[in-house]
PDB file of all heavy atoms in Angstrom:
ATOM      1  N   PHE A   1       0.821  -1.237   0.004  1.00  0.00           N
ATOM      2  CA  PHE A   1       0.019   0.001  -0.010  1.00  0.00           C
ATOM      3  C   PHE A   1       0.841   1.263   0.015  1.00  0.00           C
ATOM      4  O   PHE A   1       0.400   2.306  -0.367  1.00  0.00           O
ATOM      5  CB  PHE A   1      -0.956   0.032   1.215  1.00  0.00           C
ATOM      6  CG  PHE A   1      -2.041  -1.004   1.183  1.00  0.00           C
ATOM      7  CD1 PHE A   1      -2.108  -2.032   0.228  1.00  0.00           C
ATOM      8  CD2 PHE A   1      -2.981  -1.013   2.163  1.00  0.00           C
ATOM      9  CE1 PHE A   1      -3.080  -2.984   0.225  1.00  0.00           C
ATOM     10  CE2 PHE A   1      -4.016  -1.948   2.164  1.00  0.00           C
ATOM     11  CZ  PHE A   1      -4.058  -2.952   1.184  1.00  0.00           C
ATOM     12  N   THR A   2       2.077   1.161   0.456  1.00  0.00           N
ATOM     13  CA  THR A   2       2.934   2.357   0.575  1.00  0.00           C
ATOM     14  C   THR A   2       4.204   2.282  -0.288  1.00  0.00           C
ATOM     15  O   THR A   2       4.916   3.278  -0.439  1.00  0.00           O
ATOM     16  CB  THR A   2       3.396   2.583   2.013  1.00  0.00           C
ATOM     17  OG1 THR A   2       4.150   1.470   2.501  1.00  0.00           O
ATOM     18  CG2 THR A   2       2.164   2.832   2.938  1.00  0.00           C
ATOM     19  N   GLN A   3       4.528   1.121  -0.883  1.00  0.00           N
ATOM     20  CA  GLN A   3       5.719   0.955  -1.683  1.00  0.00           C
ATOM     21  C   GLN A   3       5.332   0.559  -3.137  1.00  0.00           C
ATOM     22  O   GLN A   3       4.448  -0.273  -3.288  1.00  0.00           O
ATOM     23  CB  GLN A   3       6.623  -0.076  -1.092  1.00  0.00           C
ATOM     24  CG  GLN A   3       7.160   0.332   0.300  1.00  0.00           C
ATOM     25  CD  GLN A   3       7.864  -0.820   0.978  1.00  0.00           C
ATOM     26  OE1 GLN A   3       7.186  -1.795   1.319  1.00  0.00           O
ATOM     27  NE2 GLN A   3       9.151  -0.681   1.170  1.00  0.00           N
ATOM     28  N   GLU A   4       5.996   1.167  -4.023  1.00  0.00           N
ATOM     29  CA  GLU A   4       5.713   0.880  -5.468  1.00  0.00           C
ATOM     30  C   GLU A   4       6.444  -0.379  -5.897  1.00  0.00           C
ATOM     31  O   GLU A   4       7.650  -0.535  -5.557  1.00  0.00           O
ATOM     32  CB  GLU A   4       6.117   2.088  -6.311  1.00  0.00           C
ATOM     33  CG  GLU A   4       5.541   2.076  -7.692  1.00  0.00           C
ATOM     34  CD  GLU A   4       5.805   3.344  -8.432  1.00  0.00           C
ATOM     35  OE1 GLU A   4       5.604   4.418  -7.816  1.00  0.00           O
ATOM     36  OE2 GLU A   4       6.139   3.262  -9.626  1.00  0.00           O
ATOM     37  N   VAL A   5       5.762  -1.216  -6.625  1.00  0.00           N
ATOM     38  CA  VAL A   5       6.396  -2.405  -7.184  1.00  0.00           C
ATOM     39  C   VAL A   5       7.352  -1.947  -8.292  1.00  0.00           C
ATOM     40  O   VAL A   5       6.974  -1.163  -9.171  1.00  0.00           O
ATOM     41  CB  VAL A   5       5.319  -3.392  -7.771  1.00  0.00           C
ATOM     42  CG1 VAL A   5       5.993  -4.586  -8.412  1.00  0.00           C
ATOM     43  CG2 VAL A   5       4.353  -3.798  -6.667  1.00  0.00           C
ATOM     44  N   PRO A   6       8.608  -2.449  -8.297  1.00  0.00           N
ATOM     45  CA  PRO A   6       9.535  -2.060  -9.328  1.00  0.00           C
ATOM     46  C   PRO A   6       9.012  -2.456 -10.679  1.00  0.00           C
ATOM     47  O   PRO A   6       8.304  -3.473 -10.832  1.00  0.00           O
ATOM     48  CB  PRO A   6      10.792  -2.907  -8.954  1.00  0.00           C
ATOM     49  CG  PRO A   6      10.655  -3.288  -7.528  1.00  0.00           C
ATOM     50  CD  PRO A   6       9.167  -3.359  -7.285  1.00  0.00           C
ATOM     51  N   GLU A   7       9.330  -1.685 -11.725  1.00  0.00           N
ATOM     52  CA  GLU A   7       8.938  -1.967 -13.070  1.00  0.00           C
ATOM     53  C   GLU A   7       9.312  -3.383 -13.453  1.00  0.00           C
ATOM     54  O   GLU A   7      10.481  -3.777 -13.293  1.00  0.00           O
ATOM     55  CB  GLU A   7       9.558  -0.967 -14.046  1.00  0.00           C
ATOM     56  CG  GLU A   7       8.948  -1.123 -15.461  1.00  0.00           C
ATOM     57  CD  GLU A   7       9.408   0.006 -16.352  1.00  0.00           C
ATOM     58  OE1 GLU A   7       9.707   1.116 -15.865  1.00  0.00           O
ATOM     59  OE2 GLU A   7       9.496  -0.282 -17.576  1.00  0.00           O
ATOM     60  N   GLY A   8       8.349  -4.123 -13.894  1.00  0.00           N
ATOM     61  CA  GLY A   8       8.590  -5.562 -14.293  1.00  0.00           C
ATOM     62  C   GLY A   8       8.623  -6.514 -13.101  1.00  0.00           C
ATOM     63  O   GLY A   8       8.779  -7.712 -13.285  1.00  0.00           O
ATOM     64  N   GLY A   9       8.555  -5.968 -11.921  1.00  0.00           N
ATOM     65  CA  GLY A   9       8.665  -6.748 -10.676  1.00  0.00           C
ATOM     66  C   GLY A   9       7.260  -7.230 -10.225  1.00  0.00           C
ATOM     67  O   GLY A   9       6.276  -7.085 -10.942  1.00  0.00           O
ATOM     68  N   LYS A  10       7.245  -7.782  -9.034  1.00  0.00           N
ATOM     69  CA  LYS A  10       5.979  -8.222  -8.495  1.00  0.00           C
ATOM     70  C   LYS A  10       6.001  -8.213  -6.942  1.00  0.00           C
ATOM     71  O   LYS A  10       7.019  -8.201  -6.330  1.00  0.00           O
ATOM     72  CB  LYS A  10       5.638  -9.642  -8.977  1.00  0.00           C
ATOM     73  CG  LYS A  10       6.598 -10.728  -8.456  1.00  0.00           C
ATOM     74  CD  LYS A  10       6.170 -12.072  -8.975  1.00  0.00           C
ATOM     75  CE  LYS A  10       7.171 -13.134  -8.503  1.00  0.00           C
ATOM     76  NZ  LYS A  10       6.780 -14.466  -8.932  1.00  0.00           N
ATOM     77  N   PHE A  11       4.773  -8.161  -6.426  1.00  0.00           N
ATOM     78  CA  PHE A  11       4.572  -8.251  -5.000  1.00  0.00           C
ATOM     79  C   PHE A  11       3.967  -9.638  -4.727  1.00  0.00           C
ATOM     80  O   PHE A  11       3.026 -10.020  -5.395  1.00  0.00           O
ATOM     81  CB  PHE A  11       3.580  -7.169  -4.523  1.00  0.00           C
ATOM     82  CG  PHE A  11       3.119  -7.335  -3.112  1.00  0.00           C
ATOM     83  CD1 PHE A  11       3.921  -6.991  -2.027  1.00  0.00           C
ATOM     84  CD2 PHE A  11       1.868  -7.897  -2.847  1.00  0.00           C
ATOM     85  CE1 PHE A  11       3.499  -7.147  -0.724  1.00  0.00           C
ATOM     86  CE2 PHE A  11       1.447  -8.078  -1.571  1.00  0.00           C
ATOM     87  CZ  PHE A  11       2.232  -7.692  -0.497  1.00  0.00           C
ATOM     88  N   VAL A  12       4.497 -10.306  -3.732  1.00  0.00           N
ATOM     89  CA  VAL A  12       3.964 -11.639  -3.322  1.00  0.00           C
ATOM     90  C   VAL A  12       3.516 -11.486  -1.893  1.00  0.00           C
ATOM     91  O   VAL A  12       4.331 -11.316  -0.974  1.00  0.00           O
ATOM     92  CB  VAL A  12       4.993 -12.753  -3.504  1.00  0.00           C
ATOM     93  CG1 VAL A  12       4.435 -14.109  -2.991  1.00  0.00           C
ATOM     94  CG2 VAL A  12       5.475 -12.864  -4.946  1.00  0.00           C
ATOM     95  N   GLY A  13       2.233 -11.614  -1.647  1.00  0.00           N
ATOM     96  CA  GLY A  13       1.666 -11.456  -0.290  1.00  0.00           C
ATOM     97  C   GLY A  13       2.106 -12.546   0.634  1.00  0.00           C
ATOM     98  O   GLY A  13       2.272 -13.688   0.230  1.00  0.00           O
ATOM     99  N   ALA A  14       2.307 -12.154   1.883  1.00  0.00           N
ATOM    100  CA  ALA A  14       2.680 -13.144   2.915  1.00  0.00           C
ATOM    101  C   ALA A  14       1.592 -14.202   3.078  1.00  0.00           C
ATOM    102  O   ALA A  14       0.402 -13.877   3.041  1.00  0.00           O
ATOM    103  CB  ALA A  14       2.911 -12.412   4.206  1.00  0.00           C
ATOM    104  N   PRO A  15       1.974 -15.506   3.188  1.00  0.00           N
ATOM    105  CA  PRO A  15       0.988 -16.544   3.380  1.00  0.00           C
ATOM    106  C   PRO A  15       0.259 -16.370   4.728  1.00  0.00           C
ATOM    107  O   PRO A  15       0.902 -16.086   5.746  1.00  0.00           O
ATOM    108  CB  PRO A  15       1.788 -17.816   3.308  1.00  0.00           C
ATOM    109  CG  PRO A  15       3.162 -17.433   3.637  1.00  0.00           C
ATOM    110  CD  PRO A  15       3.349 -16.015   3.193  1.00  0.00           C
ATOM    111  N   MET A  16      -1.024 -16.542   4.712  1.00  0.00           N
ATOM    112  CA  MET A  16      -1.848 -16.463   5.902  1.00  0.00           C
ATOM    113  C   MET A  16      -2.836 -17.628   5.885  1.00  0.00           C
ATOM    114  O   MET A  16      -4.040 -17.467   5.978  1.00  0.00           O
ATOM    115  CB  MET A  16      -2.601 -15.104   5.945  1.00  0.00           C
ATOM    116  CG  MET A  16      -1.670 -13.946   5.917  1.00  0.00           C
ATOM    117  SD  MET A  16      -2.398 -12.301   6.080  1.00  0.00           S
ATOM    118  CE  MET A  16      -4.036 -12.427   5.451  1.00  0.00           C
ATOM    119  N   ARG A  17      -2.281 -18.852   5.795  1.00  0.00           N
ATOM    120  CA  ARG A  17      -3.098 -20.032   5.664  1.00  0.00           C
ATOM    121  C   ARG A  17      -4.070 -20.207   6.861  1.00  0.00           C
ATOM    122  O   ARG A  17      -3.777 -19.802   7.943  1.00  0.00           O
ATOM    123  CB  ARG A  17      -2.191 -21.310   5.500  1.00  0.00           C
ATOM    124  CG  ARG A  17      -1.453 -21.225   4.196  1.00  0.00           C
ATOM    125  CD  ARG A  17      -0.738 -22.531   3.854  1.00  0.00           C
ATOM    126  NE  ARG A  17      -1.386 -23.813   4.153  1.00  0.00           N
ATOM    127  CZ  ARG A  17      -2.343 -24.381   3.455  1.00  0.00           C
ATOM    128  NH1 ARG A  17      -2.840 -23.816   2.388  1.00  0.00           N
ATOM    129  NH2 ARG A  17      -2.802 -25.604   3.808  1.00  0.00           N
ATOM    130  N   TYR A  18      -5.193 -20.751   6.526  1.00  0.00           N
ATOM    131  CA  TYR A  18      -6.298 -20.928   7.483  1.00  0.00           C
ATOM    132  C   TYR A  18      -6.681 -19.575   8.062  1.00  0.00           C
ATOM    133  O   TYR A  18      -6.889 -19.421   9.263  1.00  0.00           O
ATOM    134  CB  TYR A  18      -5.973 -21.980   8.543  1.00  0.00           C
ATOM    135  CG  TYR A  18      -5.904 -23.350   7.961  1.00  0.00           C
ATOM    136  CD1 TYR A  18      -4.672 -23.882   7.492  1.00  0.00           C
ATOM    137  CD2 TYR A  18      -7.056 -24.090   7.761  1.00  0.00           C
ATOM    138  CE1 TYR A  18      -4.627 -25.137   6.885  1.00  0.00           C
ATOM    139  CE2 TYR A  18      -6.996 -25.364   7.131  1.00  0.00           C
ATOM    140  CZ  TYR A  18      -5.787 -25.849   6.729  1.00  0.00           C
ATOM    141  OH  TYR A  18      -5.767 -27.058   6.089  1.00  0.00           O
ATOM    142  N   GLY A  19      -6.821 -18.610   7.140  1.00  0.00           N
ATOM    143  CA  GLY A  19      -7.132 -17.282   7.577  1.00  0.00           C
ATOM    144  C   GLY A  19      -8.598 -17.052   7.889  1.00  0.00           C
ATOM    145  O   GLY A  19      -9.506 -17.501   7.180  1.00  0.00           O
ATOM    146  N   MET A  20      -8.813 -16.375   9.014  1.00  0.00           N
ATOM    147  CA  MET A  20     -10.155 -16.017   9.458  1.00  0.00           C
ATOM    148  C   MET A  20     -10.141 -14.501   9.658  1.00  0.00           C
ATOM    149  O   MET A  20      -9.465 -13.995  10.558  1.00  0.00           O
ATOM    150  CB  MET A  20     -10.539 -16.742  10.765  1.00  0.00           C
ATOM    151  CG  MET A  20     -10.613 -18.247  10.578  1.00  0.00           C
ATOM    152  SD  MET A  20     -10.972 -19.131  12.107  1.00  0.00           S
ATOM    153  CE  MET A  20      -9.359 -19.142  12.880  1.00  0.00           C
ATOM    154  N   ARG A  21     -10.815 -13.777   8.781  1.00  0.00           N
ATOM    155  CA  ARG A  21     -10.836 -12.321   8.823  1.00  0.00           C
ATOM    156  C   ARG A  21     -11.762 -11.859   9.963  1.00  0.00           C
ATOM    157  O   ARG A  21     -12.880 -12.282  10.104  1.00  0.00           O
ATOM    158  CB  ARG A  21     -11.356 -11.797   7.504  1.00  0.00           C
ATOM    159  CG  ARG A  21     -11.401 -10.282   7.411  1.00  0.00           C
ATOM    160  CD  ARG A  21     -11.978  -9.817   6.096  1.00  0.00           C
ATOM    161  NE  ARG A  21     -11.127 -10.079   4.970  1.00  0.00           N
ATOM    162  CZ  ARG A  21     -10.099  -9.343   4.572  1.00  0.00           C
ATOM    163  NH1 ARG A  21      -9.808  -8.236   5.274  1.00  0.00           N
ATOM    164  NH2 ARG A  21      -9.397  -9.633   3.533  1.00  0.00           N
ATOM    165  N   LEU A  22     -11.202 -10.895  10.756  1.00  0.00           N
ATOM    166  CA  LEU A  22     -11.971 -10.317  11.861  1.00  0.00           C
ATOM    167  C   LEU A  22     -12.475  -8.906  11.537  1.00  0.00           C
ATOM    168  O   LEU A  22     -13.458  -8.445  12.132  1.00  0.00           O
ATOM    169  CB  LEU A  22     -11.146 -10.307  13.132  1.00  0.00           C
ATOM    170  CG  LEU A  22     -10.584 -11.691  13.602  1.00  0.00           C
ATOM    171  CD1 LEU A  22      -9.799 -11.513  14.885  1.00  0.00           C
ATOM    172  CD2 LEU A  22     -11.669 -12.688  13.709  1.00  0.00           C
ATOM    173  N   THR A  23     -11.711  -8.192  10.686  1.00  0.00           N
ATOM    174  CA  THR A  23     -12.093  -6.836  10.316  1.00  0.00           C
ATOM    175  C   THR A  23     -11.843  -6.669   8.794  1.00  0.00           C
ATOM    176  O   THR A  23     -11.037  -7.377   8.184  1.00  0.00           O
ATOM    177  CB  THR A  23     -11.254  -5.736  11.008  1.00  0.00           C
ATOM    178  OG1 THR A  23      -9.920  -5.724  10.483  1.00  0.00           O
ATOM    179  CG2 THR A  23     -11.251  -5.913  12.507  1.00  0.00           C
ATOM    180  N   TRP A  24     -12.576  -5.767   8.155  1.00  0.00           N
ATOM    181  CA  TRP A  24     -12.380  -5.538   6.744  1.00  0.00           C
ATOM    182  C   TRP A  24     -11.168  -4.708   6.463  1.00  0.00           C
ATOM    183  O   TRP A  24     -10.764  -4.563   5.297  1.00  0.00           O
ATOM    184  CB  TRP A  24     -13.646  -4.913   6.128  1.00  0.00           C
ATOM    185  CG  TRP A  24     -14.808  -5.855   6.055  1.00  0.00           C
ATOM    186  CD1 TRP A  24     -15.958  -5.752   6.726  1.00  0.00           C
ATOM    187  CD2 TRP A  24     -14.844  -7.108   5.358  1.00  0.00           C
ATOM    188  NE1 TRP A  24     -16.768  -6.814   6.460  1.00  0.00           N
ATOM    189  CE2 TRP A  24     -16.085  -7.679   5.634  1.00  0.00           C
ATOM    190  CE3 TRP A  24     -13.986  -7.804   4.547  1.00  0.00           C
ATOM    191  CZ2 TRP A  24     -16.483  -8.930   5.075  1.00  0.00           C
ATOM    192  CZ3 TRP A  24     -14.356  -9.019   4.010  1.00  0.00           C
ATOM    193  CH2 TRP A  24     -15.584  -9.561   4.273  1.00  0.00           C
ATOM    194  N   ASP A  25     -10.494  -4.159   7.501  1.00  0.00           N
ATOM    195  CA  ASP A  25      -9.292  -3.417   7.257  1.00  0.00           C
ATOM    196  C   ASP A  25      -7.992  -4.228   7.603  1.00  0.00           C
ATOM    197  O   ASP A  25      -6.973  -3.668   7.869  1.00  0.00           O
ATOM    198  CB  ASP A  25      -9.297  -2.043   8.011  1.00  0.00           C
ATOM    199  CG  ASP A  25      -9.435  -2.187   9.487  1.00  0.00           C
ATOM    200  OD1 ASP A  25      -9.656  -3.280  10.012  1.00  0.00           O
ATOM    201  OD2 ASP A  25      -9.283  -1.140  10.168  1.00  0.00           O
ATOM    202  N   GLY A  26      -8.110  -5.566   7.543  1.00  0.00           N
ATOM    203  CA  GLY A  26      -6.917  -6.367   7.515  1.00  0.00           C
ATOM    204  C   GLY A  26      -6.549  -7.141   8.745  1.00  0.00           C
ATOM    205  O   GLY A  26      -5.469  -7.737   8.789  1.00  0.00           O
ATOM    206  N   ILE A  27      -7.388  -7.245   9.744  1.00  0.00           N
ATOM    207  CA  ILE A  27      -7.017  -7.993  10.934  1.00  0.00           C
ATOM    208  C   ILE A  27      -7.673  -9.379  10.893  1.00  0.00           C
ATOM    209  O   ILE A  27      -8.873  -9.476  10.635  1.00  0.00           O
ATOM    210  CB  ILE A  27      -7.391  -7.209  12.226  1.00  0.00           C
ATOM    211  CG1 ILE A  27      -6.576  -5.931  12.254  1.00  0.00           C
ATOM    212  CG2 ILE A  27      -7.087  -8.089  13.479  1.00  0.00           C
ATOM    213  CD1 ILE A  27      -7.011  -4.977  13.371  1.00  0.00           C
ATOM    214  N   GLY A  28      -6.862 -10.386  11.124  1.00  0.00           N
ATOM    215  CA  GLY A  28      -7.387 -11.749  11.097  1.00  0.00           C
ATOM    216  C   GLY A  28      -6.583 -12.664  12.009  1.00  0.00           C
ATOM    217  O   GLY A  28      -5.655 -12.257  12.680  1.00  0.00           O
ATOM    218  N   HIS A  29      -6.923 -13.906  11.954  1.00  0.00           N
ATOM    219  CA  HIS A  29      -6.239 -14.950  12.718  1.00  0.00           C
ATOM    220  C   HIS A  29      -5.862 -16.063  11.715  1.00  0.00           C
ATOM    221  O   HIS A  29      -6.692 -16.500  10.994  1.00  0.00           O
ATOM    222  CB  HIS A  29      -7.177 -15.491  13.785  1.00  0.00           C
ATOM    223  CG  HIS A  29      -6.583 -16.441  14.792  1.00  0.00           C
ATOM    224  ND1 HIS A  29      -5.241 -16.479  15.096  1.00  0.00           N
ATOM    225  CD2 HIS A  29      -7.164 -17.384  15.580  1.00  0.00           C
ATOM    226  CE1 HIS A  29      -5.010 -17.381  15.990  1.00  0.00           C
ATOM    227  NE2 HIS A  29      -6.160 -17.973  16.310  1.00  0.00           N
ATOM    228  N   HIS A  30      -4.582 -16.449  11.724  1.00  0.00           N
ATOM    229  CA  HIS A  30      -4.097 -17.372  10.693  1.00  0.00           C
ATOM    230  C   HIS A  30      -2.784 -18.026  11.180  1.00  0.00           C
ATOM    231  O   HIS A  30      -2.225 -17.631  12.209  1.00  0.00           O
ATOM    232  CB  HIS A  30      -3.860 -16.678   9.384  1.00  0.00           C
ATOM    233  CG  HIS A  30      -2.944 -15.453   9.484  1.00  0.00           C
ATOM    234  ND1 HIS A  30      -1.570 -15.581   9.529  1.00  0.00           N
ATOM    235  CD2 HIS A  30      -3.234 -14.144   9.580  1.00  0.00           C
ATOM    236  CE1 HIS A  30      -1.013 -14.387   9.612  1.00  0.00           C
ATOM    237  NE2 HIS A  30      -1.999 -13.493   9.658  1.00  0.00           N
ATOM    238  N   ILE A  31      -2.330 -19.012  10.440  1.00  0.00           N
ATOM    239  CA  ILE A  31      -1.010 -19.620  10.712  1.00  0.00           C
ATOM    240  C   ILE A  31       0.046 -18.550  10.522  1.00  0.00           C
ATOM    241  O   ILE A  31       0.017 -17.791   9.549  1.00  0.00           O
ATOM    242  CB  ILE A  31      -0.749 -20.827   9.774  1.00  0.00           C
ATOM    243  CG1 ILE A  31      -1.686 -21.997  10.137  1.00  0.00           C
ATOM    244  CG2 ILE A  31       0.706 -21.262   9.840  1.00  0.00           C
ATOM    245  CD1 ILE A  31      -1.571 -23.168   9.150  1.00  0.00           C
ATOM    246  N   GLY A  32       1.009 -18.542  11.405  1.00  0.00           N
ATOM    247  CA  GLY A  32       2.156 -17.608  11.274  1.00  0.00           C
ATOM    248  C   GLY A  32       3.179 -17.892  12.325  1.00  0.00           C
ATOM    249  O   GLY A  32       2.945 -18.596  13.323  1.00  0.00           O
ATOM    250  N   PRO A  33       4.386 -17.346  12.089  1.00  0.00           N
ATOM    251  CA  PRO A  33       5.471 -17.608  13.045  1.00  0.00           C
ATOM    252  C   PRO A  33       5.205 -16.993  14.398  1.00  0.00           C
ATOM    253  O   PRO A  33       4.732 -15.886  14.539  1.00  0.00           O
ATOM    254  CB  PRO A  33       6.698 -16.928  12.400  1.00  0.00           C
ATOM    255  CG  PRO A  33       6.138 -16.033  11.384  1.00  0.00           C
ATOM    256  CD  PRO A  33       4.810 -16.494  10.975  1.00  0.00           C
TER     257      PRO A  33
END
């Protein structure tokens, strides 16, 4: 949301397996370190 993807590059979202969304602005419960 705040950094531009380099030209020709890509953004890969962090895995959030078994995600359960609690808010529409990005808070949830999921597998993570």
